[in-house]
Protein backbone atom coordinates (compact mmCIF):
# COMPACT_ATOMS: atom_id res chain seq x y z
CA UNK A 1 -36.51 9.13 69.71
CA UNK A 2 -37.64 11.94 72.02
CA UNK A 3 -37.85 15.51 70.72
CA UNK A 4 -38.19 17.06 74.16
CA UNK A 5 -35.71 19.43 75.70
CA UNK A 6 -35.22 19.42 79.47
CA UNK A 7 -37.64 21.67 81.40
CA UNK A 8 -36.46 25.14 82.34
CA UNK A 9 -34.90 25.37 85.79
CA UNK A 10 -37.05 27.00 88.43
CA UNK A 11 -36.80 30.73 88.64
CA UNK A 12 -36.54 31.54 84.92
CA UNK A 13 -39.40 33.52 83.46
CA UNK A 14 -39.96 32.85 79.74
CA UNK A 15 -40.40 35.84 77.46
CA UNK A 16 -42.67 35.66 74.43
CA UNK A 17 -40.28 35.73 71.46
CA UNK A 18 -40.68 38.12 68.55
CA UNK A 19 -39.00 35.66 66.21
CA UNK A 20 -38.36 31.91 66.02
CA UNK A 21 -35.30 30.92 63.99
CA UNK A 22 -35.12 27.33 62.73
CA UNK A 23 -31.58 26.04 62.14
CA UNK A 24 -31.41 22.79 60.18
CA UNK A 25 -28.28 20.73 60.70
CA UNK A 26 -26.67 17.47 59.69
CA UNK A 27 -23.18 16.31 60.74
CA UNK A 28 -21.62 19.79 61.04
CA UNK A 29 -20.88 20.21 64.75
CA UNK A 30 -18.55 23.20 64.37
CA UNK A 31 -20.66 25.13 61.88
CA UNK A 32 -23.93 24.63 63.77
CA UNK A 33 -22.42 26.11 66.95
CA UNK A 34 -21.34 29.15 64.96
CA UNK A 35 -24.80 29.44 63.38
CA UNK A 36 -26.44 29.31 66.82
CA UNK A 37 -24.05 31.95 68.18
CA UNK A 38 -24.88 34.25 65.26
CA UNK A 39 -28.61 34.08 66.01
CA UNK A 40 -28.07 34.51 69.75
CA UNK A 41 -25.87 37.54 68.97
CA UNK A 42 -28.53 39.42 67.00
CA UNK A 43 -28.85 43.09 67.97
CA UNK A 44 -32.68 42.97 67.97
CA UNK A 45 -33.76 44.12 71.46
CA UNK A 46 -36.64 41.64 71.78
CA UNK A 47 -36.55 37.92 72.51
CA UNK A 48 -35.55 35.43 69.82
CA UNK A 49 -35.90 31.68 70.19
CA UNK A 50 -33.67 29.32 68.24
CA UNK A 51 -34.82 25.83 67.33
CA UNK A 52 -32.02 23.57 66.13
CA UNK A 53 -33.31 20.56 64.21
CA UNK A 54 -30.99 17.58 63.79
CA UNK A 55 -31.59 15.50 60.69
CA UNK A 56 -30.67 11.78 60.62
CA UNK A 57 -28.11 11.89 63.43
CA UNK A 58 -28.37 12.12 67.22
CA UNK A 59 -28.94 15.70 68.44
CA UNK A 60 -26.47 17.39 70.74
CA UNK A 61 -28.96 18.00 73.51
CA UNK A 62 -26.40 19.87 75.62
CA UNK A 63 -26.57 22.87 73.24
CA UNK A 64 -30.00 23.79 74.62
CA UNK A 65 -30.22 27.02 76.61
CA UNK A 66 -32.92 28.34 78.93
CA UNK A 67 -31.88 31.98 78.54
CA UNK A 68 -35.31 33.70 78.56
CA UNK A 69 -34.11 36.34 76.08
CA UNK A 70 -32.34 33.93 73.69
CA UNK A 71 -33.59 30.41 74.40
CA UNK A 72 -32.21 27.54 72.32
CA UNK A 73 -34.29 24.39 71.86
CA UNK A 74 -33.00 21.13 70.40
CA UNK A 75 -35.18 18.87 68.23
CA UNK A 76 -34.84 15.74 66.13
CA UNK A 77 -36.35 15.84 62.65
CA UNK A 78 -39.33 13.52 62.85
CA UNK A 79 -40.79 14.74 59.54
CA UNK A 80 -38.33 13.14 57.12
CA UNK A 81 -37.01 14.11 53.66
CA UNK A 82 -34.04 16.11 54.85
CA UNK A 83 -34.09 19.88 54.70
CA UNK A 84 -37.78 20.49 53.90
CA UNK A 85 -38.85 18.18 56.71
CA UNK A 86 -36.44 19.62 59.25
CA UNK A 87 -37.56 23.17 58.49
CA UNK A 88 -41.22 22.20 58.90
CA UNK A 89 -40.40 20.30 62.09
CA UNK A 90 -38.86 23.43 63.61
CA UNK A 91 -41.65 25.67 62.37
CA UNK A 92 -44.22 23.36 63.94
CA UNK A 93 -42.55 23.70 67.34
CA UNK A 94 -41.97 27.47 67.08
CA UNK A 95 -43.84 29.85 69.37
CA UNK A 96 -43.17 33.27 67.80
CA UNK A 97 -45.50 35.03 65.33
CA UNK A 98 -42.64 35.30 62.80
CA UNK A 99 -40.40 32.50 61.53
CA UNK A 100 -36.87 32.68 60.18
CA UNK A 101 -34.71 29.96 58.67
CA UNK A 102 -31.00 29.21 58.71
CA UNK A 103 -28.86 26.33 57.48
CA UNK A 104 -25.94 25.18 59.60
CA UNK A 105 -23.44 26.56 57.08
CA UNK A 106 -25.04 30.03 57.12
CA UNK A 107 -24.48 32.92 59.52
CA UNK A 108 -27.04 35.60 60.29
CA UNK A 109 -25.23 38.94 60.41
CA UNK A 110 -26.00 40.99 63.57
CA UNK A 111 -28.67 43.35 62.19
CA UNK A 112 -30.68 40.76 60.22
CA UNK A 113 -33.51 40.09 62.68
CA UNK A 114 -33.94 43.74 63.71
CA UNK A 115 -34.05 45.07 60.15
CA UNK A 116 -36.36 42.43 58.76
CA UNK A 117 -38.83 42.55 61.64
CA UNK A 118 -38.97 46.33 61.20
CA UNK A 119 -39.51 45.88 57.46
CA UNK A 120 -42.45 43.54 58.03
CA UNK A 121 -43.93 45.96 60.57
CA UNK A 122 -43.51 49.01 58.33
CA UNK A 123 -44.88 47.39 55.15
CA UNK A 124 -47.41 44.93 56.51
CA UNK A 125 -45.96 42.28 54.21
CA UNK A 126 -46.02 38.60 55.13
CA UNK A 127 -42.50 37.78 54.00
CA UNK A 128 -39.12 39.48 53.67
CA UNK A 129 -35.75 38.46 52.25
CA UNK A 130 -32.35 40.16 52.06
CA UNK A 131 -29.14 40.33 50.11
CA UNK A 132 -26.33 38.03 51.18
CA UNK A 133 -22.61 37.40 51.19
CA UNK A 134 -21.11 34.24 49.71
CA UNK A 135 -17.97 33.02 51.47
CA UNK A 136 -15.87 30.68 49.32
CA UNK A 137 -12.29 29.66 50.08
CA UNK A 138 -11.85 32.72 52.31
CA UNK A 139 -13.22 35.16 49.73
CA UNK A 140 -16.41 37.11 50.45
CA UNK A 141 -18.59 37.84 47.42
CA UNK A 142 -21.41 40.34 48.20
CA UNK A 143 -24.74 39.78 46.46
CA UNK A 144 -27.09 42.70 46.98
CA UNK A 145 -30.76 41.98 46.74
CA UNK A 146 -33.48 43.70 44.80
CA UNK A 147 -34.09 47.23 46.08
CA UNK A 148 -37.78 47.10 46.97
CA UNK A 149 -39.89 44.04 46.29
CA UNK A 150 -39.56 40.63 44.69
CA UNK A 151 -42.49 39.59 42.51
CA UNK A 152 -43.64 36.24 41.14
CA UNK A 153 -42.71 37.36 37.62
CA UNK A 154 -39.16 38.14 38.80
CA UNK A 155 -38.69 34.54 39.93
CA UNK A 156 -40.11 33.20 36.69
CA UNK A 157 -37.48 35.18 34.79
CA UNK A 158 -34.46 34.29 36.94
CA UNK A 159 -33.35 32.44 40.06
CA UNK A 160 -32.62 35.38 42.34
CA UNK A 161 -30.02 34.92 45.06
CA UNK A 162 -32.18 36.67 47.65
CA UNK A 163 -34.95 34.11 47.05
CA UNK A 164 -33.32 31.80 49.56
CA UNK A 165 -34.84 30.37 52.74
CA UNK A 166 -31.80 31.39 54.78
CA UNK A 167 -32.62 35.06 54.14
CA UNK A 168 -36.38 34.69 54.60
CA UNK A 169 -38.51 35.72 57.55
CA UNK A 170 -42.24 35.05 57.26
CA UNK A 171 -45.30 35.48 59.41
CA UNK A 172 -46.17 32.08 60.85
CA UNK A 173 -49.84 32.43 59.92
CA UNK A 174 -48.98 32.94 56.24
CA UNK A 175 -46.40 30.12 56.34
CA UNK A 176 -49.01 27.60 57.44
CA UNK A 177 -51.94 28.96 55.44
CA UNK A 178 -51.72 31.20 52.36
CA UNK A 179 -48.18 30.17 51.35
CA UNK A 180 -47.93 26.75 52.89
CA UNK A 181 -44.95 24.95 54.48
CA UNK A 182 -41.97 23.45 52.64
CA UNK A 183 -42.87 20.56 50.34
CA UNK A 184 -41.68 17.43 52.14
CA UNK A 185 -42.51 15.28 49.12
CA UNK A 186 -40.45 17.11 46.51
CA UNK A 187 -38.01 14.54 45.07
CA UNK A 188 -34.81 14.37 47.09
CA UNK A 189 -35.65 17.65 48.82
CA UNK A 190 -34.23 19.54 45.81
CA UNK A 191 -35.43 22.98 44.65
CA UNK A 192 -37.48 23.26 47.84
CA UNK A 193 -36.39 26.89 48.37
CA UNK A 194 -37.37 27.87 44.84
CA UNK A 195 -40.68 26.04 45.05
CA UNK A 196 -41.52 27.80 48.33
CA UNK A 197 -40.41 31.24 47.13
CA UNK A 198 -42.53 30.91 44.00
CA UNK A 199 -45.52 30.23 46.25
CA UNK A 200 -44.62 33.11 48.56
CA UNK A 201 -44.38 35.63 45.72
CA UNK A 202 -47.54 34.25 44.12
CA UNK A 203 -49.32 35.01 47.41
CA UNK A 204 -47.99 38.59 47.49
CA UNK A 205 -44.77 40.47 46.64
CA UNK A 206 -41.92 39.77 49.06
CA UNK A 207 -40.26 42.86 50.54
CA UNK A 208 -36.47 42.91 50.26
CA UNK A 209 -33.75 44.56 52.29
CA UNK A 210 -31.02 44.74 49.63
CA UNK A 211 -28.16 44.80 52.14
CA UNK A 212 -26.25 41.52 52.61
CA UNK A 213 -27.54 40.38 56.02
CA UNK A 214 -26.60 36.71 55.76
CA UNK A 215 -23.23 35.08 55.16
CA UNK A 216 -23.57 31.90 53.13
CA UNK A 217 -20.53 29.72 53.75
CA UNK A 218 -20.63 27.90 50.45
CA UNK A 219 -19.20 24.43 50.96
CA UNK A 220 -18.14 23.24 47.51
CA UNK A 221 -19.38 19.72 46.96
CA UNK A 222 -20.23 17.45 44.07
CA UNK A 223 -23.52 15.84 43.23
CA UNK A 224 -23.35 12.10 43.41
CA UNK A 225 -24.66 10.16 40.48
CA UNK A 226 -27.71 8.83 42.31
CA UNK A 227 -28.88 12.38 43.09
CA UNK A 228 -29.36 13.51 39.50
CA UNK A 229 -32.69 11.67 38.97
CA UNK A 230 -34.15 13.52 41.97
CA UNK A 231 -32.88 16.84 40.61
CA UNK A 232 -34.47 16.11 37.24
CA UNK A 233 -37.79 15.14 38.86
CA UNK A 234 -37.85 18.09 41.27
CA UNK A 235 -37.25 20.65 38.51
CA UNK A 236 -39.90 18.99 36.37
CA UNK A 237 -42.31 19.37 39.27
CA UNK A 238 -41.48 23.08 39.57
CA UNK A 239 -42.39 23.55 35.88
CA UNK A 240 -45.57 21.53 36.26
CA UNK A 241 -46.72 23.56 39.24
CA UNK A 242 -45.95 26.88 37.59
CA UNK A 243 -47.28 26.83 34.01
CA UNK A 244 -46.63 30.58 33.91
CA UNK A 245 -43.02 29.73 33.00
CA UNK A 246 -44.28 29.36 29.45
CA UNK A 247 -44.78 33.14 29.36
CA UNK A 248 -41.12 33.72 30.32
CA UNK A 249 -39.00 31.92 27.68
CA UNK A 250 -35.63 32.78 29.24
CA UNK A 251 -36.72 31.53 32.65
CA UNK A 252 -38.23 28.38 31.16
CA UNK A 253 -35.03 27.74 29.19
CA UNK A 254 -32.95 28.02 32.34
CA UNK A 255 -34.85 25.23 34.07
CA UNK A 256 -35.07 23.10 30.93
CA UNK A 257 -31.29 23.46 30.65
CA UNK A 258 -30.81 22.32 34.24
CA UNK A 259 -32.95 19.28 33.48
CA UNK A 260 -30.80 18.60 30.40
CA UNK A 261 -27.67 18.60 32.57
CA UNK A 262 -29.29 16.21 35.05
CA UNK A 263 -30.28 13.85 32.25
CA UNK A 264 -26.81 13.98 30.68
CA UNK A 265 -25.20 13.33 34.09
CA UNK A 266 -27.19 10.09 34.27
CA UNK A 267 -25.60 8.90 31.02
CA UNK A 268 -28.82 9.15 29.01
CA UNK A 269 -27.18 10.80 26.01
CA UNK A 270 -30.05 10.60 23.51
CA UNK A 271 -32.55 11.93 26.03
CA UNK A 272 -30.11 14.70 26.94
CA UNK A 273 -29.75 15.79 23.31
CA UNK A 274 -33.53 15.93 22.97
CA UNK A 275 -33.72 17.99 26.14
CA UNK A 276 -31.02 20.35 24.81
CA UNK A 277 -33.18 20.93 21.72
CA UNK A 278 -36.14 21.69 24.00
CA UNK A 279 -33.98 24.13 25.95
CA UNK A 280 -32.79 25.96 22.84
CA UNK A 281 -36.37 26.07 21.56
CA UNK A 282 -37.18 28.32 24.51
CA UNK A 283 -34.01 30.40 24.23
CA UNK A 284 -30.97 29.85 22.02
CA UNK A 285 -28.94 31.98 24.45
CA UNK A 286 -29.30 29.59 27.41
CA UNK A 287 -25.74 28.62 28.50
CA UNK A 288 -26.86 25.46 30.28
CA UNK A 289 -27.59 23.91 26.89
CA UNK A 290 -23.85 24.09 26.18
CA UNK A 291 -23.03 22.66 29.60
CA UNK A 292 -25.45 19.78 29.00
CA UNK A 293 -23.75 19.05 25.67
CA UNK A 294 -20.38 19.01 27.41
CA UNK A 295 -21.66 16.53 30.00
CA UNK A 296 -23.21 14.39 27.27
CA UNK A 297 -19.81 14.40 25.54
CA UNK A 298 -18.12 13.04 28.67
CA UNK A 299 -17.20 16.02 30.86
CA UNK A 300 -18.10 15.02 34.46
CA UNK A 301 -21.06 17.05 35.71
CA UNK A 302 -19.52 17.04 39.19
CA UNK A 303 -16.44 18.81 37.81
CA UNK A 304 -18.54 21.54 36.18
CA UNK A 305 -20.63 21.94 39.33
CA UNK A 306 -17.57 22.27 41.57
CA UNK A 307 -15.97 24.83 39.23
CA UNK A 308 -19.12 26.98 39.26
CA UNK A 309 -19.51 26.62 43.04
CA UNK A 310 -16.02 28.06 43.55
CA UNK A 311 -17.22 31.21 41.77
CA UNK A 312 -20.39 31.43 43.85
CA UNK A 313 -22.56 30.04 41.09
CA UNK A 314 -24.53 26.87 40.58
CA UNK A 315 -25.67 24.79 37.67
């Protein structure tokens, strides 16, 4: 399947973009149009190119635009493994020195590009993130980010909301070299944001604009049973790659607890109880140990996940 977009009509002069924004999409035709419009509507005075990467289904080629100030290019994900592959596919085709990322259910608020590009320029940092808004059932829940910088140790202690690819802008050189692209081999494409953010903060502290500059339209959905093994494996890989979690018991317990829930959701009750003991060995205060026990006792994990999603939280 071709990944080319039609050539620009004669008479248009391309402008070197300051920023390339990669929008990953799958089967959300309404939301992706809104996500594109939000990037095109940024108040940054320089040029911004948008690369929309379709995953698994036929791209809507007609959404391409040759506007030299806000060009939109349409691609098909030829990298595989869902979201990580589609993000890398777009990044590979990008032409700007700075990359940004957006899912089709997210909206960049108007000042996002301008403020983050200025933050990178002023600090010399390679990566920046921001606070965000979570939109659930018509309710907007603001989540301010850290005021200043986000360090590797911060992400070992807790899963920070601003450590999300949809809020990130990163210098392309660092993305491909010191930090590295998204892991296309992580099981099921799960925890790919967290894995990448851990690498980004290990490279150097990430500068944060605490203001909510992204609206996350949280679409409440359940995990299907056949996804839990991938979640278990992906989280295990995160722990294996970051042995420093052992120096942060609360952070280690959080991930061990998530693994316990994934095991319990697969119906492996004895293994789940052992994993709960491991979780509590790191921190007896970890609430996911209780959730894992509830799932092991028969409460559907999908029901717990959906209830937390409605409150802007995850397992």
